[in-house]
Amino acid sequence: MAVRGTGPDESLELKIKGLAEQVAASMSMEVVLAEVKGEGSRSVVRVFIDQPTGITLEDCERYSKRFSVALDVEDWIPSKYTLEVSSPGVDRPLVREADFARFQGENARVRTRIPIEGQKNFKGKIVIAGGGGVTLEVAPGRHVEIAITDIDKARLIADLSKKPQGS
């Protein structure tokens, strides 16, 4: 699980991350990503949840109600805020090494913090994930190895031609 925020208080983000994970674990879910954007009455707390069987709208509603109550009890955000809870979607963020391993064989877009082979943006098939890194096949026979710690942002590339599982 990762937290990405634009506000000045990283300790707030870490507290929210911990609480989001506690609520998710109590519901047999996981938090893929938690973000805190903006400040004051413009604060947005965004949480992406998942579980092995996938996430429904009802799952998001149940999680949102529980997490909202827990967040209000803690009273860490002094003003009004907007809470957004959703599934990661077909172009889900890839945050942890385990995310890349789970979607091995799928295509992803990866932006790195530092240039690798002269570039920061890559698009390719996830070939290997493990040992602290991921290998993308960016062209037939051309592979790029990227350390997880060097990844700034990564997402699956939605393949809308595939039939959903169970269809």
Protein backbone atom coordinates (compact mmCIF):
# COMPACT_ATOMS: atom_id res chain seq x y z
CA MET A 1 0.00 0.00 0.00
CA ALA A 2 1.27 3.43 -0.78
CA VAL A 3 0.35 6.89 0.27
CA ARG A 4 0.78 9.78 -2.09
CA GLY A 5 -0.13 13.25 -0.95
CA THR A 6 0.35 16.86 -1.81
CA GLY A 7 -0.26 18.28 1.65
CA PRO A 8 2.49 19.36 4.01
CA ASP A 9 1.74 16.86 6.79
CA GLU A 10 3.23 13.47 5.97
CA SER A 11 2.45 12.19 9.47
CA LEU A 12 -1.25 12.78 8.75
CA GLU A 13 -0.92 10.73 5.57
CA LEU A 14 0.76 7.91 7.46
CA LYS A 15 -1.98 7.91 10.11
CA ILE A 16 -4.66 7.81 7.41
CA LYS A 17 -2.82 5.01 5.63
CA GLY A 18 -2.68 2.95 8.81
CA LEU A 19 -6.35 3.50 9.57
CA ALA A 20 -7.36 2.73 5.97
CA GLU A 21 -5.44 -0.55 6.14
CA GLN A 22 -7.00 -1.49 9.51
CA VAL A 23 -10.52 -0.96 8.20
CA ALA A 24 -9.74 -2.86 4.99
CA ALA A 25 -8.20 -5.80 6.87
CA SER A 26 -11.30 -6.04 9.09
CA MET A 27 -13.33 -6.47 5.88
CA SER A 28 -10.91 -8.94 4.21
CA MET A 29 -9.86 -6.28 1.72
CA GLU A 30 -6.59 -4.53 0.94
CA VAL A 31 -5.74 -0.91 0.29
CA VAL A 32 -3.99 -0.53 -3.05
CA LEU A 33 -3.35 3.20 -2.72
CA ALA A 34 -4.34 6.03 -0.40
CA GLU A 35 -3.90 9.66 -1.39
CA VAL A 36 -4.47 12.91 0.44
CA LYS A 37 -4.78 15.86 -1.91
CA GLY A 38 -5.27 19.53 -1.11
CA GLU A 39 -5.64 21.26 2.24
CA GLY A 40 -8.36 22.68 4.44
CA SER A 41 -11.92 22.37 3.16
CA ARG A 42 -10.53 21.27 -0.21
CA SER A 43 -8.94 18.13 1.22
CA VAL A 44 -9.68 14.93 -0.64
CA VAL A 45 -8.91 11.54 0.89
CA ARG A 46 -8.88 8.96 -1.90
CA VAL A 47 -8.64 5.22 -1.18
CA PHE A 48 -8.44 2.41 -3.74
CA ILE A 49 -9.47 -0.97 -2.32
CA ASP A 50 -9.27 -4.49 -3.72
CA GLN A 51 -9.78 -8.12 -2.86
CA PRO A 52 -9.10 -11.37 -4.75
CA THR A 53 -12.69 -11.63 -6.01
CA GLY A 54 -12.77 -8.02 -7.18
CA ILE A 55 -14.58 -4.99 -5.80
CA THR A 56 -18.22 -4.11 -6.32
CA LEU A 57 -20.00 -0.80 -5.82
CA GLU A 58 -21.53 -2.26 -2.66
CA ASP A 59 -18.04 -3.11 -1.34
CA CYS A 60 -16.98 0.50 -1.90
CA GLU A 61 -20.09 1.77 -0.11
CA ARG A 62 -19.56 -0.53 2.89
CA TYR A 63 -15.88 0.40 3.14
CA SER A 64 -16.63 4.11 2.73
CA LYS A 65 -19.14 4.07 5.60
CA ARG A 66 -16.78 2.24 7.97
CA PHE A 67 -13.70 4.25 7.05
CA SER A 68 -15.59 7.57 7.20
CA VAL A 69 -16.78 6.82 10.75
CA ALA A 70 -13.28 5.74 11.83
CA LEU A 71 -11.71 8.84 10.27
CA ASP A 72 -14.26 11.14 11.92
CA VAL A 73 -13.68 9.49 15.32
CA GLU A 74 -9.94 10.12 15.01
CA ASP A 75 -10.64 13.75 13.99
CA TRP A 76 -7.25 14.18 12.28
CA ILE A 77 -8.63 16.46 9.56
CA PRO A 78 -9.78 19.69 11.25
CA SER A 79 -12.10 20.84 8.45
CA LYS A 80 -14.53 19.28 6.01
CA TYR A 81 -13.03 16.86 3.52
CA THR A 82 -14.18 14.69 0.64
CA LEU A 83 -13.73 10.92 0.90
CA GLU A 84 -13.51 8.98 -2.36
CA VAL A 85 -13.41 5.17 -2.28
CA SER A 86 -13.15 3.07 -5.43
CA SER A 87 -11.77 -0.05 -6.99
CA PRO A 88 -8.39 0.35 -8.67
CA GLY A 89 -10.09 -0.01 -12.08
CA VAL A 90 -8.81 -1.62 -15.27
CA ASP A 91 -5.87 0.78 -15.40
CA ARG A 92 -5.08 0.17 -11.75
CA PRO A 93 -2.01 1.65 -10.12
CA LEU A 94 0.90 -0.71 -9.56
CA VAL A 95 2.53 0.27 -6.29
CA ARG A 96 4.21 -2.74 -4.68
CA GLU A 97 6.38 -5.47 -6.10
CA ALA A 98 3.51 -7.87 -5.37
CA ASP A 99 1.26 -5.81 -7.70
CA PHE A 100 3.71 -6.29 -10.57
CA ALA A 101 4.02 -10.02 -9.77
CA ARG A 102 0.23 -10.42 -9.72
CA PHE A 103 -0.06 -8.86 -13.17
CA GLN A 104 2.94 -10.52 -14.77
CA GLY A 105 2.25 -10.93 -18.50
CA GLU A 106 0.11 -7.77 -18.63
CA ASN A 107 1.12 -4.44 -20.15
CA ALA A 108 2.00 -1.46 -17.99
CA ARG A 109 3.09 2.17 -18.19
CA VAL A 110 5.93 3.03 -15.82
CA ARG A 111 7.42 6.43 -15.03
CA THR A 112 10.74 6.40 -13.17
CA ARG A 113 12.24 8.94 -10.79
CA ILE A 114 15.57 8.83 -12.60
CA PRO A 115 16.39 8.23 -16.27
CA ILE A 116 17.07 4.62 -17.22
CA GLU A 117 18.71 4.13 -20.61
CA GLY A 118 18.11 7.84 -21.20
CA GLN A 119 14.38 7.90 -20.54
CA LYS A 120 11.86 8.03 -17.70
CA ASN A 121 8.69 6.72 -19.38
CA PHE A 122 8.29 3.09 -20.36
CA LYS A 123 5.47 1.01 -21.79
CA GLY A 124 5.73 -2.76 -22.02
CA LYS A 125 4.83 -6.23 -20.84
CA ILE A 126 5.64 -7.14 -17.24
CA VAL A 127 8.01 -10.07 -17.70
CA ILE A 128 9.52 -10.54 -14.24
CA ALA A 129 8.74 -9.05 -10.84
CA GLY A 130 10.84 -9.92 -7.82
CA GLY A 131 14.07 -9.27 -6.00
CA GLY A 132 13.23 -5.60 -5.57
CA GLY A 133 12.59 -4.89 -9.23
CA VAL A 134 10.54 -5.42 -12.34
CA THR A 135 11.55 -6.28 -15.90
CA LEU A 136 9.50 -4.89 -18.78
CA GLU A 137 9.66 -6.09 -22.37
CA VAL A 138 9.45 -2.72 -24.11
CA ALA A 139 9.98 -4.10 -27.63
CA PRO A 140 10.39 -7.64 -28.98
CA GLY A 141 13.59 -8.92 -27.39
CA ARG A 142 14.33 -5.62 -25.60
CA HIS A 143 14.02 -5.71 -21.82
CA VAL A 144 14.42 -2.93 -19.26
CA GLU A 145 15.06 -3.68 -15.58
CA ILE A 146 13.69 -1.14 -13.10
CA ALA A 147 14.18 -1.13 -9.33
CA ILE A 148 10.89 -0.74 -7.46
CA THR A 149 12.45 2.17 -5.54
CA ASP A 150 13.10 3.98 -8.85
CA ILE A 151 9.43 3.85 -9.89
CA ASP A 152 7.57 7.14 -9.53
CA LYS A 153 4.25 5.96 -10.94
CA ALA A 154 3.00 2.82 -12.68
CA ARG A 155 -0.36 1.67 -14.04
CA LEU A 156 -1.71 -1.28 -15.95
CA ILE A 157 -2.65 -0.56 -19.53
CA ALA A 158 -6.29 -1.53 -19.95
CA ASP A 159 -6.87 -4.23 -22.56
CA LEU A 160 -10.53 -3.74 -23.39
CA SER A 161 -10.45 -6.53 -25.97
CA LYS A 162 -10.16 -9.15 -23.21
CA LYS A 163 -13.32 -10.71 -21.85
CA PRO A 164 -13.81 -10.20 -18.12
CA GLN A 165 -13.23 -13.30 -16.01
CA GLY A 166 -16.40 -15.31 -15.56
CA SER A 167 -17.92 -14.23 -18.92
